[in-house]
Amino acid sequence: MGHPARGKRADARRNEGALLDVAAQAGEIRSGIDAYELMRGVGNICIGAEEDPRYDPRRVVELLIAGLHRPD
């Protein structure tokens, strides 16, 4: 039997992917966005934020999310 957290992580990834698919089908974001890549990217943006008061990861995440929107 596997580790219980692994199953929960897999479920979360499927749900994240489903949310991105629905948003893409609704024309809210670009299609072809991988949930795992997106979450890793957001996580990496946030690394080290406590160590540099000049760095605001929320601002960078806002820019990332804005970039997901479909171009008009």
PDB file of N, CA and C in Angstrom:
ATOM      1  N   MET A   1       0.843  -1.184   0.000  1.00  0.00           N
ATOM      2  CA  MET A   1       0.000   0.000   0.000  1.00  0.00           C
ATOM      3  C   MET A   1       0.887   1.246   0.000  1.00  0.00           C
ATOM      4  N   GLY A   2       0.548   2.235  -0.798  1.00  0.00           N
ATOM      5  CA  GLY A   2       1.334   3.455  -0.930  1.00  0.00           C
ATOM      6  C   GLY A   2       1.092   4.433   0.205  1.00  0.00           C
ATOM      7  N   HIS A   3       1.891   5.450   0.195  1.00  0.00           N
ATOM      8  CA  HIS A   3       1.772   6.519   1.190  1.00  0.00           C
ATOM      9  C   HIS A   3       0.473   7.280   0.937  1.00  0.00           C
ATOM     10  N   PRO A   4      -0.350   7.534   1.981  1.00  0.00           N
ATOM     11  CA  PRO A   4      -1.650   8.203   1.779  1.00  0.00           C
ATOM     12  C   PRO A   4      -1.550   9.593   1.160  1.00  0.00           C
ATOM     13  N   ALA A   5      -0.474  10.322   1.443  1.00  0.00           N
ATOM     14  CA  ALA A   5      -0.336  11.680   0.890  1.00  0.00           C
ATOM     15  C   ALA A   5      -0.154  11.642  -0.618  1.00  0.00           C
ATOM     16  N   ARG A   6       0.450  10.581  -1.143  1.00  0.00           N
ATOM     17  CA  ARG A   6       0.649  10.488  -2.593  1.00  0.00           C
ATOM     18  C   ARG A   6      -0.681  10.464  -3.332  1.00  0.00           C
ATOM     19  N   GLY A   7      -1.634   9.723  -2.816  1.00  0.00           N
ATOM     20  CA  GLY A   7      -2.957   9.678  -3.430  1.00  0.00           C
ATOM     21  C   GLY A   7      -3.647  11.025  -3.378  1.00  0.00           C
ATOM     22  N   LYS A   8      -3.499  11.734  -2.280  1.00  0.00           N
ATOM     23  CA  LYS A   8      -4.107  13.063  -2.146  1.00  0.00           C
ATOM     24  C   LYS A   8      -3.467  14.057  -3.098  1.00  0.00           C
ATOM     25  N   ARG A   9      -2.144  13.965  -3.262  1.00  0.00           N
ATOM     26  CA  ARG A   9      -1.458  14.855  -4.202  1.00  0.00           C
ATOM     27  C   ARG A   9      -1.912  14.578  -5.633  1.00  0.00           C
ATOM     28  N   ALA A  10      -2.069  13.317  -5.963  1.00  0.00           N
ATOM     29  CA  ALA A  10      -2.520  12.961  -7.311  1.00  0.00           C
ATOM     30  C   ALA A  10      -3.929  13.485  -7.544  1.00  0.00           C
ATOM     31  N   ASP A  11      -4.798  13.357  -6.534  1.00  0.00           N
ATOM     32  CA  ASP A  11      -6.163  13.883  -6.653  1.00  0.00           C
ATOM     33  C   ASP A  11      -6.141  15.392  -6.834  1.00  0.00           C
ATOM     34  N   ALA A  12      -5.297  16.078  -6.071  1.00  0.00           N
ATOM     35  CA  ALA A  12      -5.205  17.535  -6.170  1.00  0.00           C
ATOM     36  C   ALA A  12      -4.737  17.941  -7.560  1.00  0.00           C
ATOM     37  N   ARG A  13      -3.748  17.230  -8.111  1.00  0.00           N
ATOM     38  CA  ARG A  13      -3.266  17.561  -9.458  1.00  0.00           C
ATOM     39  C   ARG A  13      -4.355  17.370 -10.498  1.00  0.00           C
ATOM     40  N   ARG A  14      -5.125  16.298 -10.359  1.00  0.00           N
ATOM     41  CA  ARG A  14      -6.236  16.081 -11.307  1.00  0.00           C
ATOM     42  C   ARG A  14      -7.254  17.210 -11.202  1.00  0.00           C
ATOM     43  N   ASN A  15      -7.579  17.610  -9.971  1.00  0.00           N
ATOM     44  CA  ASN A  15      -8.551  18.691  -9.776  1.00  0.00           C
ATOM     45  C   ASN A  15      -8.028  20.011 -10.329  1.00  0.00           C
ATOM     46  N   GLU A  16      -6.758  20.294 -10.092  1.00  0.00           N
ATOM     47  CA  GLU A  16      -6.160  21.528 -10.624  1.00  0.00           C
ATOM     48  C   GLU A  16      -6.217  21.515 -12.141  1.00  0.00           C
ATOM     49  N   GLY A  17      -5.885  20.372 -12.726  1.00  0.00           N
ATOM     50  CA  GLY A  17      -5.939  20.248 -14.177  1.00  0.00           C
ATOM     51  C   GLY A  17      -7.347  20.450 -14.700  1.00  0.00           C
ATOM     52  N   ALA A  18      -8.326  19.912 -13.981  1.00  0.00           N
ATOM     53  CA  ALA A  18      -9.721  20.064 -14.395  1.00  0.00           C
ATOM     54  C   ALA A  18     -10.143  21.529 -14.334  1.00  0.00           C
ATOM     55  N   LEU A  19      -9.709  22.244 -13.300  1.00  0.00           N
ATOM     56  CA  LEU A  19     -10.049  23.667 -13.192  1.00  0.00           C
ATOM     57  C   LEU A  19      -9.447  24.463 -14.344  1.00  0.00           C
ATOM     58  N   LEU A  20      -8.196  24.155 -14.676  1.00  0.00           N
ATOM     59  CA  LEU A  20      -7.556  24.848 -15.797  1.00  0.00           C
ATOM     60  C   LEU A  20      -8.260  24.515 -17.108  1.00  0.00           C
ATOM     61  N   ASP A  21      -8.671  23.260 -17.284  1.00  0.00           N
ATOM     62  CA  ASP A  21      -9.384  22.868 -18.503  1.00  0.00           C
ATOM     63  C   ASP A  21     -10.701  23.616 -18.640  1.00  0.00           C
ATOM     64  N   VAL A  22     -11.444  23.722 -17.542  1.00  0.00           N
ATOM     65  CA  VAL A  22     -12.730  24.434 -17.570  1.00  0.00           C
ATOM     66  C   VAL A  22     -12.507  25.905 -17.888  1.00  0.00           C
ATOM     67  N   ALA A  23     -11.496  26.509 -17.270  1.00  0.00           N
ATOM     68  CA  ALA A  23     -11.205  27.923 -17.535  1.00  0.00           C
ATOM     69  C   ALA A  23     -10.807  28.129 -18.997  1.00  0.00           C
ATOM     70  N   ALA A  24     -10.031  27.205 -19.551  1.00  0.00           N
ATOM     71  CA  ALA A  24      -9.628  27.312 -20.954  1.00  0.00           C
ATOM     72  C   ALA A  24     -10.835  27.149 -21.875  1.00  0.00           C
ATOM     73  N   GLN A  25     -11.703  26.185 -21.576  1.00  0.00           N
ATOM     74  CA  GLN A  25     -12.899  25.975 -22.397  1.00  0.00           C
ATOM     75  C   GLN A  25     -13.827  27.180 -22.347  1.00  0.00           C
ATOM     76  N   ALA A  26     -13.829  27.883 -21.224  1.00  0.00           N
ATOM     77  CA  ALA A  26     -14.663  29.080 -21.086  1.00  0.00           C
ATOM     78  C   ALA A  26     -14.016  30.297 -21.742  1.00  0.00           C
ATOM     79  N   GLY A  27     -12.787  30.129 -22.241  1.00  0.00           N
ATOM     80  CA  GLY A  27     -12.102  31.237 -22.888  1.00  0.00           C
ATOM     81  C   GLY A  27     -11.461  32.217 -21.928  1.00  0.00           C
ATOM     82  N   GLU A  28     -11.329  31.812 -20.665  1.00  0.00           N
ATOM     83  CA  GLU A  28     -10.752  32.702 -19.656  1.00  0.00           C
ATOM     84  C   GLU A  28      -9.232  32.686 -19.657  1.00  0.00           C
ATOM     85  N   ILE A  29      -8.651  31.539 -19.985  1.00  0.00           N
ATOM     86  CA  ILE A  29      -7.198  31.421 -20.020  1.00  0.00           C
ATOM     87  C   ILE A  29      -6.784  30.673 -21.285  1.00  0.00           C
ATOM     88  N   ARG A  30      -5.494  30.677 -21.561  1.00  0.00           N
ATOM     89  CA  ARG A  30      -4.962  29.941 -22.706  1.00  0.00           C
ATOM     90  C   ARG A  30      -5.146  28.448 -22.466  1.00  0.00           C
ATOM     91  N   SER A  31      -5.238  27.690 -23.518  1.00  0.00           N
ATOM     92  CA  SER A  31      -5.313  26.239 -23.370  1.00  0.00           C
ATOM     93  C   SER A  31      -3.902  25.662 -23.319  1.00  0.00           C
ATOM     94  N   GLY A  32      -3.799  24.421 -22.902  1.00  0.00           N
ATOM     95  CA  GLY A  32      -2.514  23.740 -22.884  1.00  0.00           C
ATOM     96  C   GLY A  32      -1.638  24.055 -21.693  1.00  0.00           C
ATOM     97  N   ILE A  33      -2.218  24.568 -20.616  1.00  0.00           N
ATOM     98  CA  ILE A  33      -1.445  24.898 -19.422  1.00  0.00           C
ATOM     99  C   ILE A  33      -1.442  23.679 -18.507  1.00  0.00           C
ATOM    100  N   ASP A  34      -0.269  23.237 -18.106  1.00  0.00           N
ATOM    101  CA  ASP A  34      -0.135  22.079 -17.237  1.00  0.00           C
ATOM    102  C   ASP A  34      -0.193  22.529 -15.780  1.00  0.00           C
ATOM    103  N   ALA A  35      -1.103  21.941 -15.011  1.00  0.00           N
ATOM    104  CA  ALA A  35      -1.292  22.342 -13.618  1.00  0.00           C
ATOM    105  C   ALA A  35      -0.026  22.161 -12.794  1.00  0.00           C
ATOM    106  N   TYR A  36       0.674  21.068 -13.014  1.00  0.00           N
ATOM    107  CA  TYR A  36       1.885  20.803 -12.241  1.00  0.00           C
ATOM    108  C   TYR A  36       2.953  21.862 -12.514  1.00  0.00           C
ATOM    109  N   GLU A  37       3.157  22.196 -13.767  1.00  0.00           N
ATOM    110  CA  GLU A  37       4.136  23.235 -14.113  1.00  0.00           C
ATOM    111  C   GLU A  37       3.754  24.571 -13.494  1.00  0.00           C
ATOM    112  N   LEU A  38       2.473  24.907 -13.552  1.00  0.00           N
ATOM    113  CA  LEU A  38       2.003  26.173 -12.998  1.00  0.00           C
ATOM    114  C   LEU A  38       2.237  26.227 -11.491  1.00  0.00           C
ATOM    115  N   MET A  39       1.880  25.159 -10.786  1.00  0.00           N
ATOM    116  CA  MET A  39       2.054  25.154  -9.335  1.00  0.00           C
ATOM    117  C   MET A  39       3.532  25.163  -8.945  1.00  0.00           C
ATOM    118  N   ARG A  40       4.372  24.454  -9.685  1.00  0.00           N
ATOM    119  CA  ARG A  40       5.816  24.501  -9.414  1.00  0.00           C
ATOM    120  C   ARG A  40       6.350  25.905  -9.645  1.00  0.00           C
ATOM    121  N   GLY A  41       5.882  26.548 -10.709  1.00  0.00           N
ATOM    122  CA  GLY A  41       6.324  27.904 -10.996  1.00  0.00           C
ATOM    123  C   GLY A  41       5.948  28.873  -9.890  1.00  0.00           C
ATOM    124  N   VAL A  42       4.715  28.791  -9.417  1.00  0.00           N
ATOM    125  CA  VAL A  42       4.271  29.674  -8.329  1.00  0.00           C
ATOM    126  C   VAL A  42       5.083  29.391  -7.074  1.00  0.00           C
ATOM    127  N   GLY A  43       5.298  28.115  -6.780  1.00  0.00           N
ATOM    128  CA  GLY A  43       6.091  27.758  -5.604  1.00  0.00           C
ATOM    129  C   GLY A  43       7.503  28.302  -5.683  1.00  0.00           C
ATOM    130  N   ASN A  44       8.112  28.189  -6.845  1.00  0.00           N
ATOM    131  CA  ASN A  44       9.480  28.677  -7.004  1.00  0.00           C
ATOM    132  C   ASN A  44       9.555  30.198  -6.924  1.00  0.00           C
ATOM    133  N   ILE A  45       8.519  30.874  -7.363  1.00  0.00           N
ATOM    134  CA  ILE A  45       8.476  32.332  -7.246  1.00  0.00           C
ATOM    135  C   ILE A  45       8.509  32.742  -5.771  1.00  0.00           C
ATOM    136  N   CYS A  46       7.883  31.952  -4.924  1.00  0.00           N
ATOM    137  CA  CYS A  46       7.739  32.312  -3.513  1.00  0.00           C
ATOM    138  C   CYS A  46       8.960  31.966  -2.668  1.00  0.00           C
ATOM    139  N   ILE A  47       9.851  31.132  -3.190  1.00  0.00           N
ATOM    140  CA  ILE A  47      11.037  30.730  -2.419  1.00  0.00           C
ATOM    141  C   ILE A  47      11.905  31.954  -2.118  1.00  0.00           C
ATOM    142  N   GLY A  48      12.280  32.083  -0.868  1.00  0.00           N
ATOM    143  CA  GLY A  48      13.196  33.136  -0.459  1.00  0.00           C
ATOM    144  C   GLY A  48      12.561  34.490  -0.230  1.00  0.00           C
ATOM    145  N   ALA A  49      11.250  34.576  -0.304  1.00  0.00           N
ATOM    146  CA  ALA A  49      10.590  35.874  -0.145  1.00  0.00           C
ATOM    147  C   ALA A  49      10.821  36.477   1.233  1.00  0.00           C
ATOM    148  N   GLU A  50      10.965  35.625   2.246  1.00  0.00           N
ATOM    149  CA  GLU A  50      11.159  36.141   3.607  1.00  0.00           C
ATOM    150  C   GLU A  50      12.528  36.782   3.780  1.00  0.00           C
ATOM    151  N   GLU A  51      13.462  36.432   2.909  1.00  0.00           N
ATOM    152  CA  GLU A  51      14.842  36.883   3.068  1.00  0.00           C
ATOM    153  C   GLU A  51      15.140  38.223   2.408  1.00  0.00           C
ATOM    154  N   ASP A  52      14.231  38.715   1.575  1.00  0.00           N
ATOM    155  CA  ASP A  52      14.500  39.943   0.829  1.00  0.00           C
ATOM    156  C   ASP A  52      13.275  40.860   0.901  1.00  0.00           C
ATOM    157  N   PRO A  53      13.335  41.895   1.728  1.00  0.00           N
ATOM    158  CA  PRO A  53      12.167  42.771   1.876  1.00  0.00           C
ATOM    159  C   PRO A  53      11.830  43.552   0.601  1.00  0.00           C
ATOM    160  N   ARG A  54      12.748  43.596  -0.354  1.00  0.00           N
ATOM    161  CA  ARG A  54      12.480  44.307  -1.612  1.00  0.00           C
ATOM    162  C   ARG A  54      11.684  43.453  -2.594  1.00  0.00           C
ATOM    163  N   TYR A  55      11.561  42.172  -2.309  1.00  0.00           N
ATOM    164  CA  TYR A  55      10.915  41.233  -3.229  1.00  0.00           C
ATOM    165  C   TYR A  55       9.507  40.908  -2.757  1.00  0.00           C
ATOM    166  N   ASP A  56       8.527  41.124  -3.614  1.00  0.00           N
ATOM    167  CA  ASP A  56       7.132  40.811  -3.297  1.00  0.00           C
ATOM    168  C   ASP A  56       6.650  39.719  -4.256  1.00  0.00           C
ATOM    169  N   PRO A  57       6.653  38.472  -3.810  1.00  0.00           N
ATOM    170  CA  PRO A  57       6.248  37.393  -4.701  1.00  0.00           C
ATOM    171  C   PRO A  57       4.793  37.517  -5.155  1.00  0.00           C
ATOM    172  N   ARG A  58       3.949  38.174  -4.368  1.00  0.00           N
ATOM    173  CA  ARG A  58       2.549  38.353  -4.788  1.00  0.00           C
ATOM    174  C   ARG A  58       2.475  39.147  -6.081  1.00  0.00           C
ATOM    175  N   ARG A  59       3.317  40.129  -6.218  1.00  0.00           N
ATOM    176  CA  ARG A  59       3.354  40.940  -7.436  1.00  0.00           C
ATOM    177  C   ARG A  59       3.767  40.088  -8.634  1.00  0.00           C
ATOM    178  N   VAL A  60       4.750  39.232  -8.443  1.00  0.00           N
ATOM    179  CA  VAL A  60       5.220  38.379  -9.533  1.00  0.00           C
ATOM    180  C   VAL A  60       4.148  37.345  -9.896  1.00  0.00           C
ATOM    181  N   VAL A  61       3.462  36.800  -8.890  1.00  0.00           N
ATOM    182  CA  VAL A  61       2.376  35.851  -9.164  1.00  0.00           C
ATOM    183  C   VAL A  61       1.249  36.556  -9.925  1.00  0.00           C
ATOM    184  N   GLU A  62       0.944  37.798  -9.571  1.00  0.00           N
ATOM    185  CA  GLU A  62      -0.065  38.567 -10.328  1.00  0.00           C
ATOM    186  C   GLU A  62       0.325  38.679 -11.800  1.00  0.00           C
ATOM    187  N   LEU A  63       1.598  38.946 -12.052  1.00  0.00           N
ATOM    188  CA  LEU A  63       2.073  39.032 -13.440  1.00  0.00           C
ATOM    189  C   LEU A  63       1.949  37.684 -14.147  1.00  0.00           C
ATOM    190  N   LEU A  64       2.266  36.615 -13.448  1.00  0.00           N
ATOM    191  CA  LEU A  64       2.140  35.273 -14.009  1.00  0.00           C
ATOM    192  C   LEU A  64       0.687  34.973 -14.366  1.00  0.00           C
ATOM    193  N   ILE A  65      -0.220  35.238 -13.443  1.00  0.00           N
ATOM    194  CA  ILE A  65      -1.638  34.965 -13.681  1.00  0.00           C
ATOM    195  C   ILE A  65      -2.160  35.827 -14.831  1.00  0.00           C
ATOM    196  N   ALA A  66      -1.740  37.079 -14.882  1.00  0.00           N
ATOM    197  CA  ALA A  66      -2.157  37.952 -15.990  1.00  0.00           C
ATOM    198  C   ALA A  66      -1.697  37.373 -17.333  1.00  0.00           C
ATOM    199  N   GLY A  67      -0.546  36.742 -17.328  1.00  0.00           N
ATOM    200  CA  GLY A  67      -0.028  36.148 -18.554  1.00  0.00           C
ATOM    201  C   GLY A  67      -0.790  34.917 -18.997  1.00  0.00           C
ATOM    202  N   LEU A  68      -1.577  34.319 -18.118  1.00  0.00           N
ATOM    203  CA  LEU A  68      -2.373  33.153 -18.483  1.00  0.00           C
ATOM    204  C   LEU A  68      -3.585  33.531 -19.338  1.00  0.00           C
ATOM    205  N   HIS A  69      -4.027  34.762 -19.191  1.00  0.00           N
ATOM    206  CA  HIS A  69      -5.216  35.193 -19.933  1.00  0.00           C
ATOM    207  C   HIS A  69      -4.988  35.094 -21.424  1.00  0.00           C
ATOM    208  N   ARG A  70      -6.031  34.755 -22.109  1.00  0.00           N
ATOM    209  CA  ARG A  70      -5.958  34.645 -23.565  1.00  0.00           C
ATOM    210  C   ARG A  70      -5.743  36.023 -24.155  1.00  0.00           C
ATOM    211  N   PRO A  71      -4.869  36.121 -25.149  1.00  0.00           N
ATOM    212  CA  PRO A  71      -4.725  37.421 -25.824  1.00  0.00           C
ATOM    213  C   PRO A  71      -5.988  37.708 -26.631  1.00  0.00           C
ATOM    214  N   ASP A  72      -6.380  38.949 -26.675  1.00  0.00           N
ATOM    215  CA  ASP A  72      -7.595  39.326 -27.433  1.00  0.00           C
ATOM    216  C   ASP A  72      -7.341  39.400 -28.909  1.00  0.00           C
TER     217      ASP A  72
END
